[in-house]
């Protein structure tokens, strides 16, 4: 149905024009309209379980879709749509050579990533306890013998290991699952792994419904029974993240995306505005890159920020404190927040 509402030729032409002429208001209006249709369709048909998030904020599906579109159409110092330019560069071939249907699919995927990131931020703001529960469950599941996690359009899905998931059957009604779960007797102090084992036994012990369940649904159920007031947290603090819970491919992907954001920030905010010369901007980027790389490899920094920067720029303590210290601390804080946002966007 969505494809019937969208003229693929108009979409491709609009992206081509806007990528080189960001002030063409007529074409811009066309591209915004198409993007809104895609975003609204995704929110209404794929992510209805998260409607309560923006209803709590007093906004509609359309409001949220426009928030996401505003992010995509944000401009840089040169008044260009830098995110759209990055989208064009991410294609396997030049924009002119990519088919119209492939452009649509790529644009749709691009929009969905932005929407999911926005939903993750809303979820974290509206339910910080639920967010921490979700992270803990995800960390445990990835190391457990009970489930694998599959990404679906509806969110992360728990699929039992070494058991037929019965995909041909309808999903288990949440009310039925909750009834089974809440009548199970166990210690309120039991670990997340023990709770996951109970979920596994309930799902695999029946054959009337599909043996899968959304990670988000499990986090809500766990919170309902045990964690209304407090929550055991696998992390040291609310703003930390556990890269050990990610696969190597996910770590590489997240690291690449975080570094891309940091490079853009450094060169737009510091180099373009004359706060750093080119050598200084590159040195700061290389230092932050090494810091992020050590996080991903070891979960922590191996040296002080001063030592990371001293690899690339000739500095002393006074110069570091006066010129670089605050900026490095800001950039590393931004990197951590980006990692959290990327991890949370998997909900």
Protein backbone atom coordinates (compact mmCIF):
# COMPACT_ATOMS: atom_id res chain seq x y z
CA UNK A 1 0.00 0.00 0.00
CA UNK A 2 2.84 2.38 0.83
CA UNK A 3 4.40 2.04 -2.64
CA UNK A 4 1.08 3.10 -4.22
CA UNK A 5 1.23 6.43 -2.39
CA UNK A 6 4.75 7.27 -3.45
CA UNK A 7 6.04 8.19 -6.87
CA UNK A 8 9.50 6.60 -6.93
CA UNK A 9 10.57 8.82 -9.83
CA UNK A 10 9.62 11.95 -7.90
CA UNK A 11 11.52 10.68 -4.85
CA UNK A 12 14.72 10.02 -6.80
CA UNK A 13 14.53 13.33 -8.67
CA UNK A 14 13.85 15.22 -5.46
CA UNK A 15 16.88 13.73 -3.70
CA UNK A 16 19.06 14.48 -6.73
CA UNK A 17 17.97 18.11 -6.86
CA UNK A 18 18.09 18.79 -3.12
CA UNK A 19 21.56 17.27 -2.80
CA UNK A 20 22.91 20.05 -5.07
CA UNK A 21 20.30 22.80 -4.65
CA UNK A 22 19.19 22.98 -1.02
CA UNK A 23 17.14 26.15 -1.57
CA UNK A 24 14.67 24.69 -4.06
CA UNK A 25 11.57 25.02 -1.89
CA UNK A 26 9.18 23.27 -4.27
CA UNK A 27 11.31 20.15 -4.46
CA UNK A 28 12.05 20.33 -0.75
CA UNK A 29 8.32 20.32 -0.03
CA UNK A 30 7.88 17.21 -2.20
CA UNK A 31 10.67 15.35 -0.44
CA UNK A 32 9.37 16.30 3.02
CA UNK A 33 5.88 15.08 2.08
CA UNK A 34 7.18 11.71 0.84
CA UNK A 35 9.37 11.30 3.91
CA UNK A 36 6.44 12.05 6.21
CA UNK A 37 4.35 9.35 4.52
CA UNK A 38 7.11 6.78 5.03
CA UNK A 39 7.78 7.77 8.66
CA UNK A 40 4.08 7.83 9.59
CA UNK A 41 3.49 4.46 7.94
CA UNK A 42 6.35 2.93 9.90
CA UNK A 43 5.13 4.41 13.19
CA UNK A 44 1.51 3.38 12.65
CA UNK A 45 1.97 -0.07 11.14
CA UNK A 46 5.27 -1.37 12.49
CA UNK A 47 5.77 0.33 15.85
CA UNK A 48 2.25 0.67 17.30
CA UNK A 49 3.42 -0.83 20.62
CA UNK A 50 5.38 2.38 21.25
CA UNK A 51 2.51 4.79 20.64
CA UNK A 52 2.20 5.40 24.38
CA UNK A 53 5.64 7.03 24.39
CA UNK A 54 4.72 10.07 22.37
CA UNK A 55 1.15 10.12 23.64
CA UNK A 56 2.67 10.69 27.08
CA UNK A 57 4.52 13.67 25.60
CA UNK A 58 1.30 15.05 24.11
CA UNK A 59 2.43 14.60 20.51
CA UNK A 60 0.95 12.70 17.57
CA UNK A 61 2.44 10.31 15.04
CA UNK A 62 2.60 13.18 12.58
CA UNK A 63 4.37 15.41 15.12
CA UNK A 64 6.97 12.73 15.75
CA UNK A 65 7.48 12.09 12.04
CA UNK A 66 8.12 15.81 11.48
CA UNK A 67 10.63 15.83 14.36
CA UNK A 68 12.53 13.04 12.61
CA UNK A 69 12.29 14.78 9.24
CA UNK A 70 13.61 18.00 10.81
CA UNK A 71 16.68 16.04 11.91
CA UNK A 72 17.24 14.71 8.40
CA UNK A 73 16.83 18.16 6.85
CA UNK A 74 19.09 20.00 9.29
CA UNK A 75 21.67 22.22 7.61
CA UNK A 76 25.41 22.65 8.14
CA UNK A 77 27.54 25.79 8.15
CA UNK A 78 27.33 25.94 4.35
CA UNK A 79 23.50 25.83 4.46
CA UNK A 80 23.57 22.36 2.86
CA UNK A 81 21.60 19.27 3.86
CA UNK A 82 24.63 17.41 5.06
CA UNK A 83 22.71 14.29 6.14
CA UNK A 84 21.19 13.95 2.68
CA UNK A 85 24.63 14.39 1.15
CA UNK A 86 25.93 11.62 3.42
CA UNK A 87 23.01 9.44 2.36
CA UNK A 88 23.92 9.90 -1.30
CA UNK A 89 27.56 9.03 -0.60
CA UNK A 90 26.50 5.87 1.27
CA UNK A 91 24.89 4.35 -1.84
CA UNK A 92 26.71 1.56 -3.63
CA UNK A 93 26.80 3.59 -6.83
CA UNK A 94 26.23 7.17 -7.93
CA UNK A 95 22.70 8.42 -7.39
CA UNK A 96 22.04 8.59 -11.13
CA UNK A 97 22.87 4.91 -11.62
CA UNK A 98 20.83 3.50 -8.73
CA UNK A 99 17.34 2.30 -9.68
CA UNK A 100 14.30 4.19 -8.45
CA UNK A 101 13.04 1.28 -6.34
CA UNK A 102 16.49 0.85 -4.73
CA UNK A 103 16.56 4.57 -3.95
CA UNK A 104 13.18 4.25 -2.27
CA UNK A 105 14.28 1.23 -0.21
CA UNK A 106 17.51 2.97 0.82
CA UNK A 107 15.63 6.18 1.74
CA UNK A 108 13.09 4.18 3.72
CA UNK A 109 15.88 2.42 5.64
CA UNK A 110 17.53 5.79 6.27
CA UNK A 111 14.29 7.22 7.67
CA UNK A 112 13.62 4.19 9.85
CA UNK A 113 17.03 4.50 11.52
CA UNK A 114 16.29 8.11 12.40
CA UNK A 115 12.81 7.24 13.68
CA UNK A 116 14.15 4.37 15.81
CA UNK A 117 16.80 6.62 17.33
CA UNK A 118 14.11 9.19 18.18
CA UNK A 119 11.92 6.49 19.74
CA UNK A 120 14.86 5.27 21.81
CA UNK A 121 15.44 8.79 23.14
CA UNK A 122 11.75 9.15 24.00
CA UNK A 123 11.75 5.77 25.72
CA UNK A 124 14.83 6.66 27.75
CA UNK A 125 13.35 10.02 28.78
CA UNK A 126 9.89 8.71 29.67
CA UNK A 127 11.00 5.47 31.37
CA UNK A 128 14.65 5.49 32.55
CA UNK A 129 14.03 2.48 34.80
CA UNK A 130 12.54 0.50 31.93
CA UNK A 131 15.50 1.49 29.76
CA UNK A 132 17.97 0.10 32.32
CA UNK A 133 15.96 -3.10 32.64
CA UNK A 134 15.94 -3.51 28.87
CA UNK A 135 19.72 -3.06 28.70
CA UNK A 136 20.28 -5.63 31.43
CA UNK A 137 18.00 -8.18 29.77
CA UNK A 138 19.70 -7.64 26.43
CA UNK A 139 23.14 -8.08 27.99
CA UNK A 140 22.09 -11.32 29.70
CA UNK A 141 20.34 -12.75 26.64
CA UNK A 142 23.40 -12.30 24.47
CA UNK A 143 25.44 -14.43 26.86
CA UNK A 144 22.72 -16.95 27.72
CA UNK A 145 22.06 -20.46 26.47
CA UNK A 146 18.36 -19.79 26.04
CA UNK A 147 17.80 -17.24 23.29
CA UNK A 148 19.24 -15.51 20.30
CA UNK A 149 18.14 -12.00 19.45
CA UNK A 150 16.77 -11.28 15.98
CA UNK A 151 16.21 -7.79 14.65
CA UNK A 152 12.74 -7.34 13.19
CA UNK A 153 10.77 -4.33 12.00
CA UNK A 154 8.90 -4.44 15.31
CA UNK A 155 12.07 -4.43 17.41
CA UNK A 156 14.45 -7.01 18.87
CA UNK A 157 12.83 -10.43 19.12
CA UNK A 158 13.88 -13.22 21.51
CA UNK A 159 14.03 -16.53 19.64
CA UNK A 160 14.75 -19.76 21.57
CA UNK A 161 17.94 -21.63 20.75
CA UNK A 162 17.82 -25.18 19.41
CA UNK A 163 14.01 -25.25 19.41
CA UNK A 164 11.57 -24.83 16.54
CA UNK A 165 10.24 -21.26 16.96
CA UNK A 166 6.99 -22.17 15.18
CA UNK A 167 7.03 -19.11 12.96
CA UNK A 168 3.93 -20.32 11.10
CA UNK A 169 1.78 -19.83 14.21
CA UNK A 170 0.37 -16.53 15.56
CA UNK A 171 2.28 -14.64 18.25
CA UNK A 172 1.49 -15.56 21.83
CA UNK A 173 -0.95 -13.02 23.32
CA UNK A 174 0.88 -10.93 25.90
CA UNK A 175 -1.98 -11.35 28.35
CA UNK A 176 -1.64 -15.14 28.14
CA UNK A 177 2.13 -15.01 28.55
CA UNK A 178 1.83 -12.66 31.53
CA UNK A 179 -0.70 -14.97 33.14
CA UNK A 180 1.73 -17.88 32.87
CA UNK A 181 4.66 -15.80 34.05
CA UNK A 182 2.92 -14.22 37.03
CA UNK A 183 1.72 -17.58 38.33
CA UNK A 184 5.27 -18.95 38.35
CA UNK A 185 6.79 -19.17 41.82
CA UNK A 186 10.35 -17.93 42.23
CA UNK A 187 12.58 -15.79 44.44
CA UNK A 188 12.16 -12.05 43.92
CA UNK A 189 15.95 -11.77 44.21
CA UNK A 190 16.58 -14.20 41.37
CA UNK A 191 18.98 -13.08 38.64
CA UNK A 192 18.10 -11.91 35.18
CA UNK A 193 19.47 -15.18 33.79
CA UNK A 194 17.06 -17.14 36.01
CA UNK A 195 14.20 -14.95 34.83
CA UNK A 196 15.17 -15.49 31.20
CA UNK A 197 15.14 -19.26 31.87
CA UNK A 198 11.53 -18.96 33.06
CA UNK A 199 10.59 -17.03 29.91
CA UNK A 200 12.26 -19.75 27.84
CA UNK A 201 10.38 -22.54 29.62
CA UNK A 202 7.02 -20.82 29.16
CA UNK A 203 7.54 -20.23 25.45
CA UNK A 204 9.02 -23.61 24.60
CA UNK A 205 6.61 -25.52 26.84
CA UNK A 206 3.67 -24.74 24.56
CA UNK A 207 2.99 -25.37 20.87
CA UNK A 208 -0.19 -23.35 20.33
CA UNK A 209 1.63 -20.09 19.56
CA UNK A 210 4.90 -18.85 18.13
CA UNK A 211 7.78 -19.35 20.56
CA UNK A 212 9.13 -15.82 20.24
CA UNK A 213 8.56 -12.60 22.15
CA UNK A 214 9.64 -8.98 21.82
CA UNK A 215 12.47 -7.81 24.07
CA UNK A 216 10.49 -4.67 24.83
CA UNK A 217 7.50 -6.71 26.03
CA UNK A 218 9.72 -8.76 28.36
CA UNK A 219 11.27 -5.61 29.84
CA UNK A 220 7.81 -4.21 30.60
CA UNK A 221 6.74 -7.45 32.27
CA UNK A 222 9.90 -7.67 34.37
CA UNK A 223 9.46 -4.08 35.49
CA UNK A 224 5.82 -4.68 36.39
CA UNK A 225 6.60 -7.55 38.74
CA UNK A 226 9.92 -6.68 40.29
CA UNK A 227 11.36 -3.29 39.56
CA UNK A 228 8.83 -0.57 40.22
CA UNK A 229 11.07 1.08 42.81
CA UNK A 230 14.61 -0.07 42.10
CA UNK A 231 16.64 -2.08 39.63
CA UNK A 232 19.92 -3.97 39.74
CA UNK A 233 22.08 -2.41 37.08
CA UNK A 234 24.86 -4.22 35.22
CA UNK A 235 26.51 -0.86 34.52
CA UNK A 236 28.48 1.37 36.83
CA UNK A 237 26.19 4.33 36.16
CA UNK A 238 23.25 5.29 34.04
CA UNK A 239 25.33 6.81 31.26
CA UNK A 240 27.75 3.90 30.79
CA UNK A 241 27.41 1.11 28.29
CA UNK A 242 28.57 -2.47 28.02
CA UNK A 243 30.32 -3.10 24.70
CA UNK A 244 30.83 -6.74 25.72
CA UNK A 245 27.09 -7.20 25.16
CA UNK A 246 27.55 -6.41 21.45
CA UNK A 247 28.75 -8.65 18.64
CA UNK A 248 32.02 -7.75 16.90
CA UNK A 249 30.12 -6.58 13.84
CA UNK A 250 27.88 -4.35 15.96
CA UNK A 251 30.89 -2.89 17.76
CA UNK A 252 32.57 -2.10 14.44
CA UNK A 253 29.39 -0.56 13.03
CA UNK A 254 28.68 1.53 16.14
CA UNK A 255 32.30 2.66 16.42
CA UNK A 256 32.31 3.76 12.78
CA UNK A 257 29.08 5.72 13.20
CA UNK A 258 30.23 7.37 16.45
CA UNK A 259 33.55 8.39 14.89
CA UNK A 260 31.75 9.81 11.87
CA UNK A 261 29.64 11.97 14.20
CA UNK A 262 32.73 13.12 16.12
CA UNK A 263 34.66 13.96 12.96
CA UNK A 264 31.73 16.03 11.72
CA UNK A 265 31.48 17.80 15.08
CA UNK A 266 35.21 18.59 15.25
CA UNK A 267 35.49 19.96 11.75
CA UNK A 268 32.22 21.92 11.78
CA UNK A 269 32.38 23.26 15.32
CA UNK A 270 36.11 23.84 15.71
CA UNK A 271 37.90 23.86 12.34
CA UNK A 272 35.23 25.61 10.25
CA UNK A 273 34.83 28.28 12.94
CA UNK A 274 38.58 28.90 13.16
CA UNK A 275 39.03 27.53 16.69
CA UNK A 276 41.50 24.88 15.41
CA UNK A 277 43.74 24.83 12.38
CA UNK A 278 43.70 21.70 10.23
CA UNK A 279 46.56 19.98 12.08
CA UNK A 280 44.94 20.65 15.47
CA UNK A 281 41.54 19.39 14.30
CA UNK A 282 43.10 16.21 12.90
CA UNK A 283 45.13 15.67 16.08
CA UNK A 284 42.06 15.99 18.28
CA UNK A 285 40.11 13.62 16.03
CA UNK A 286 42.91 11.03 16.11
CA UNK A 287 43.08 11.26 19.92
CA UNK A 288 39.32 10.77 20.29
CA UNK A 289 39.46 7.94 17.77
CA UNK A 290 42.05 6.15 19.93
CA UNK A 291 39.97 6.72 23.06
CA UNK A 292 36.87 5.25 21.42
CA UNK A 293 38.87 2.35 20.03
CA UNK A 294 40.19 1.51 23.52
CA UNK A 295 36.64 1.65 24.90
CA UNK A 296 35.54 -0.86 22.29
CA UNK A 297 38.50 -3.17 22.86
CA UNK A 298 38.89 -2.95 26.62
CA UNK A 299 35.81 -1.18 27.98
CA UNK A 300 37.91 1.70 29.33
CA UNK A 301 40.68 4.19 28.55
CA UNK A 302 44.23 2.94 28.93
CA UNK A 303 45.80 6.40 29.32
CA UNK A 304 44.89 9.94 30.32
CA UNK A 305 43.30 12.22 27.74
CA UNK A 306 46.48 14.29 27.83
CA UNK A 307 48.57 11.29 26.77
CA UNK A 308 46.18 10.38 23.98
CA UNK A 309 46.42 13.90 22.55
CA UNK A 310 50.20 14.15 23.05
CA UNK A 311 50.62 11.35 20.48
CA UNK A 312 49.51 13.75 17.76
CA UNK A 313 50.03 17.31 18.98
CA UNK A 314 53.06 18.82 20.72
CA UNK A 315 51.58 20.04 24.01
CA UNK A 316 52.44 20.75 27.62
CA UNK A 317 50.12 20.68 30.63
CA UNK A 318 49.34 24.39 30.46
CA UNK A 319 48.51 24.35 26.74
CA UNK A 320 46.39 21.22 27.20
CA UNK A 321 44.41 22.74 30.09
CA UNK A 322 43.83 26.06 28.35
CA UNK A 323 43.08 24.87 24.81
CA UNK A 324 42.15 21.22 24.63
CA UNK A 325 41.00 19.75 27.96
CA UNK A 326 37.39 20.96 27.97
CA UNK A 327 36.91 20.11 24.30
CA UNK A 328 38.27 16.57 24.68
CA UNK A 329 36.07 15.95 27.70
CA UNK A 330 33.04 17.25 25.78
CA UNK A 331 33.81 15.09 22.74
CA UNK A 332 34.28 11.92 24.78
CA UNK A 333 31.02 12.63 26.63
CA UNK A 334 29.34 13.04 23.24
CA UNK A 335 30.83 9.74 22.09
CA UNK A 336 29.41 7.89 25.11
CA UNK A 337 25.99 9.43 24.54
CA UNK A 338 26.11 8.41 20.88
CA UNK A 339 26.96 4.82 21.84
CA UNK A 340 24.04 4.72 24.27
CA UNK A 341 21.72 6.17 21.65
CA UNK A 342 22.82 3.57 19.10
CA UNK A 343 22.41 0.69 21.56
CA UNK A 344 19.03 1.94 22.72
CA UNK A 345 17.85 2.32 19.13
CA UNK A 346 17.75 -1.49 18.93
CA UNK A 347 14.71 -1.68 21.19
